[in-house]
Amino acid sequence: MKNSQHVKNTKHLERSTFESLFRDQYQSLTFLAIKYVKDYETANSIVQDSFITLWERRLVIDADGPLKAWLSTTVRNRCINYLRDNNKFNRDLLILEGLENSAGAFNADKVVERELEKNIDQAIASLPEKCREIFELSRNEGLKYNEIALRLNISIKTVETQMGRALTSLRKSLAPWLTILIVTLSRIF
């Protein structure tokens, strides 16, 4: 029941939005794929398959979510799978070309990083003023709850409550990014 409620509450991807996304992103995603697979036809096929998957999942993917980031991550992962499945995975070449860092994890797509950072900043900015102030003292200055309480002349319980509200709000605001973060972190660890 919970999943069906989630589907009802999300804005579904409409054809016009999909077509616009296709026109705007197809070429850059193809260039991204070519960086990995070194073959235009293969890159083209991977990007087309990624768009087909997006369209097939249009009823479960939130249209207000980070669709560009989802597509970039999908294309990159399919390229890596292609290289692995076709024994074309040369770790030394990937390191040399900057597609893999020395720890063996693939560098996150800069577009995804910028979008995520922008969304985090917007989510924090949307917090109520006192809640945001407490969160930023904890996050940016590394203050403990009792230190925040002393600085703001409020009770520790108030700090705990406001931090709980901040984290709940941020989790809700950043939920569309959860899948992308999990994929990115799974490649790192």
Protein backbone atom coordinates (compact mmCIF):
# COMPACT_ATOMS: atom_id res chain seq x y z
CA MET A 1 0.00 0.00 0.00
CA LYS A 2 2.83 2.36 0.81
CA ASN A 3 4.33 2.08 -2.70
CA SER A 4 1.02 2.75 -4.39
CA GLN A 5 0.57 5.85 -2.23
CA HIS A 6 4.03 7.04 -3.24
CA VAL A 7 3.21 6.59 -6.90
CA LYS A 8 -0.01 8.60 -6.49
CA ASN A 9 1.83 11.48 -4.80
CA THR A 10 4.54 11.91 -7.43
CA LYS A 11 4.26 13.88 -10.62
CA HIS A 12 4.63 11.46 -13.53
CA LEU A 13 6.88 12.10 -16.48
CA GLU A 14 4.79 13.46 -19.32
CA ARG A 15 5.55 12.98 -22.99
CA SER A 16 6.36 16.65 -23.59
CA THR A 17 8.81 16.72 -20.66
CA PHE A 18 10.41 13.51 -21.88
CA GLU A 19 10.77 14.87 -25.43
CA SER A 20 12.29 18.10 -24.15
CA LEU A 21 14.71 16.18 -21.95
CA PHE A 22 15.63 13.97 -24.91
CA ARG A 23 16.35 16.97 -27.15
CA ASP A 24 18.34 18.79 -24.45
CA GLN A 25 20.39 15.87 -23.12
CA TYR A 26 20.86 13.34 -25.92
CA GLN A 27 24.03 14.83 -27.40
CA SER A 28 25.82 15.46 -24.10
CA LEU A 29 24.93 11.97 -22.85
CA THR A 30 26.28 10.50 -26.08
CA PHE A 31 29.57 12.37 -25.58
CA LEU A 32 29.67 11.06 -22.00
CA ALA A 33 29.19 7.50 -23.25
CA ILE A 34 31.85 7.91 -25.96
CA LYS A 35 34.36 8.87 -23.24
CA TYR A 36 33.88 5.39 -21.81
CA VAL A 37 33.22 3.06 -24.73
CA LYS A 38 35.21 4.83 -27.50
CA ASP A 39 32.63 3.88 -30.13
CA TYR A 40 29.87 6.13 -31.44
CA GLU A 41 27.42 3.35 -32.33
CA THR A 42 27.77 1.67 -28.94
CA ALA A 43 27.49 5.01 -27.13
CA ASN A 44 24.42 5.92 -29.17
CA SER A 45 22.80 2.58 -28.34
CA ILE A 46 23.53 2.96 -24.61
CA VAL A 47 22.00 6.44 -24.53
CA GLN A 48 18.92 5.30 -26.47
CA ASP A 49 18.46 2.35 -24.10
CA SER A 50 18.75 4.71 -21.12
CA PHE A 51 16.00 6.94 -22.50
CA ILE A 52 13.84 3.90 -23.22
CA THR A 53 14.29 2.77 -19.61
CA LEU A 54 13.35 6.24 -18.38
CA TRP A 55 10.19 6.17 -20.49
CA GLU A 56 9.31 2.66 -19.31
CA ARG A 57 9.67 3.81 -15.69
CA ARG A 58 7.81 7.10 -16.19
CA LEU A 59 5.01 6.07 -13.83
CA VAL A 60 7.36 5.38 -10.90
CA ILE A 61 10.00 8.07 -11.45
CA ASP A 62 9.13 11.46 -10.00
CA ALA A 63 9.15 14.00 -12.85
CA ASP A 64 10.14 16.71 -10.37
CA GLY A 65 13.19 14.68 -9.36
CA PRO A 66 16.72 14.97 -10.76
CA LEU A 67 16.06 13.41 -14.17
CA LYS A 68 19.29 14.71 -15.77
CA ALA A 69 21.31 13.21 -12.94
CA TRP A 70 19.36 9.94 -13.19
CA LEU A 71 20.11 9.76 -16.92
CA SER A 72 23.82 10.59 -16.47
CA THR A 73 24.17 7.93 -13.79
CA THR A 74 22.28 5.38 -15.89
CA VAL A 75 24.41 6.05 -19.00
CA ARG A 76 27.65 5.89 -17.02
CA ASN A 77 26.67 2.62 -15.32
CA ARG A 78 25.62 1.05 -18.61
CA CYS A 79 28.94 2.06 -20.16
CA ILE A 80 30.82 0.45 -17.30
CA ASN A 81 28.69 -2.68 -17.63
CA TYR A 82 29.37 -2.76 -21.38
CA LEU A 83 33.12 -2.49 -20.83
CA ARG A 84 33.05 -5.19 -18.16
CA ASP A 85 30.81 -7.54 -20.14
CA ASN A 86 32.86 -7.18 -23.31
CA ASN A 87 36.24 -7.49 -21.60
CA LYS A 88 37.15 -4.00 -22.69
CA PHE A 89 37.75 -2.81 -19.16
CA ASN A 90 41.33 -1.57 -19.01
CA ARG A 91 41.82 -0.03 -15.56
CA ASP A 92 45.17 1.55 -16.50
CA LEU A 93 43.63 3.27 -19.52
CA LEU A 94 40.69 4.51 -17.45
CA ILE A 95 43.05 5.97 -14.83
CA LEU A 96 45.14 7.62 -17.55
CA GLU A 97 42.05 9.18 -19.12
CA GLY A 98 40.71 10.35 -15.78
CA LEU A 99 37.67 8.10 -15.84
CA GLU A 100 38.79 6.29 -12.71
CA ASN A 101 40.64 7.65 -9.73
CA SER A 102 43.54 5.94 -7.99
CA ALA A 103 41.27 4.41 -5.35
CA GLY A 104 39.52 2.45 -8.09
CA ALA A 105 36.20 4.28 -7.85
CA PHE A 106 34.80 6.14 -10.82
CA ASN A 107 34.75 9.90 -10.52
CA ALA A 108 31.26 11.22 -10.00
CA ASP A 109 29.84 13.11 -12.92
CA LYS A 110 30.47 16.83 -12.30
CA VAL A 111 26.97 17.70 -13.50
CA VAL A 112 25.47 15.37 -10.91
CA GLU A 113 27.71 16.80 -8.19
CA ARG A 114 26.72 20.38 -9.03
CA GLU A 115 23.02 19.53 -9.13
CA LEU A 116 23.22 17.65 -5.85
CA GLU A 117 25.10 20.51 -4.15
CA LYS A 118 22.53 23.01 -5.47
CA ASN A 119 19.66 20.88 -4.17
CA ILE A 120 21.31 20.48 -0.76
CA ASP A 121 21.82 24.24 -0.50
CA GLN A 122 18.20 24.87 -1.51
CA ALA A 123 16.92 22.30 0.99
CA ILE A 124 18.92 23.92 3.80
CA ALA A 125 17.82 27.42 2.76
CA SER A 126 14.18 26.32 2.87
CA LEU A 127 14.42 25.35 6.56
CA PRO A 128 12.76 27.70 9.06
CA GLU A 129 15.24 30.33 10.27
CA LYS A 130 15.93 28.96 13.79
CA CYS A 131 16.00 25.38 12.53
CA ARG A 132 18.47 26.35 9.79
CA GLU A 133 20.65 28.29 12.23
CA ILE A 134 20.90 25.30 14.59
CA PHE A 135 21.57 22.90 11.72
CA GLU A 136 24.31 25.11 10.27
CA LEU A 137 25.99 25.55 13.68
CA SER A 138 26.13 21.78 13.95
CA ARG A 139 27.11 21.11 10.34
CA ASN A 140 29.36 24.04 9.48
CA GLU A 141 30.95 24.80 12.83
CA GLY A 142 30.89 21.27 14.24
CA LEU A 143 29.27 22.39 17.49
CA LYS A 144 27.74 19.83 19.83
CA TYR A 145 24.15 20.20 20.95
CA ASN A 146 25.12 21.57 24.36
CA GLU A 147 27.45 24.12 22.72
CA ILE A 148 24.66 25.26 20.39
CA ALA A 149 22.28 25.54 23.35
CA LEU A 150 24.77 27.71 25.24
CA ARG A 151 25.51 29.93 22.24
CA LEU A 152 21.83 30.52 21.43
CA ASN A 153 20.68 30.56 25.05
CA ILE A 154 18.13 27.78 24.49
CA SER A 155 17.66 24.33 26.02
CA ILE A 156 19.42 21.23 24.71
CA LYS A 157 15.98 19.69 24.17
CA THR A 158 15.11 22.58 21.81
CA VAL A 159 18.33 21.96 19.89
CA GLU A 160 17.52 18.23 19.64
CA THR A 161 13.97 18.96 18.45
CA GLN A 162 15.10 21.50 15.84
CA MET A 163 17.85 19.19 14.56
CA GLY A 164 15.30 16.38 14.26
CA ARG A 165 13.02 18.66 12.27
CA ALA A 166 15.89 19.80 10.06
CA LEU A 167 16.99 16.24 9.30
CA THR A 168 13.42 15.10 8.60
CA SER A 169 12.88 18.02 6.24
CA LEU A 170 16.21 17.44 4.47
CA ARG A 171 15.52 13.72 4.05
CA LYS A 172 12.16 14.55 2.47
CA SER A 173 13.58 17.28 0.21
CA LEU A 174 16.53 15.17 -0.93
CA ALA A 175 14.67 11.85 -1.30
CA PRO A 176 14.87 11.91 -5.13
CA TRP A 177 18.66 11.97 -4.81
CA LEU A 178 18.82 8.88 -2.58
CA THR A 179 19.16 6.42 -5.46
CA ILE A 180 21.90 8.47 -7.09
CA LEU A 181 23.78 8.78 -3.81
CA ILE A 182 23.55 5.03 -3.20
CA VAL A 183 24.84 4.26 -6.70
CA THR A 184 27.69 6.76 -6.31
CA LEU A 185 28.65 5.55 -2.83
CA SER A 186 28.48 1.89 -3.85
CA ARG A 187 31.12 2.59 -6.51
CA ILE A 188 33.36 4.30 -3.96
CA PHE A 189 33.15 1.59 -1.31
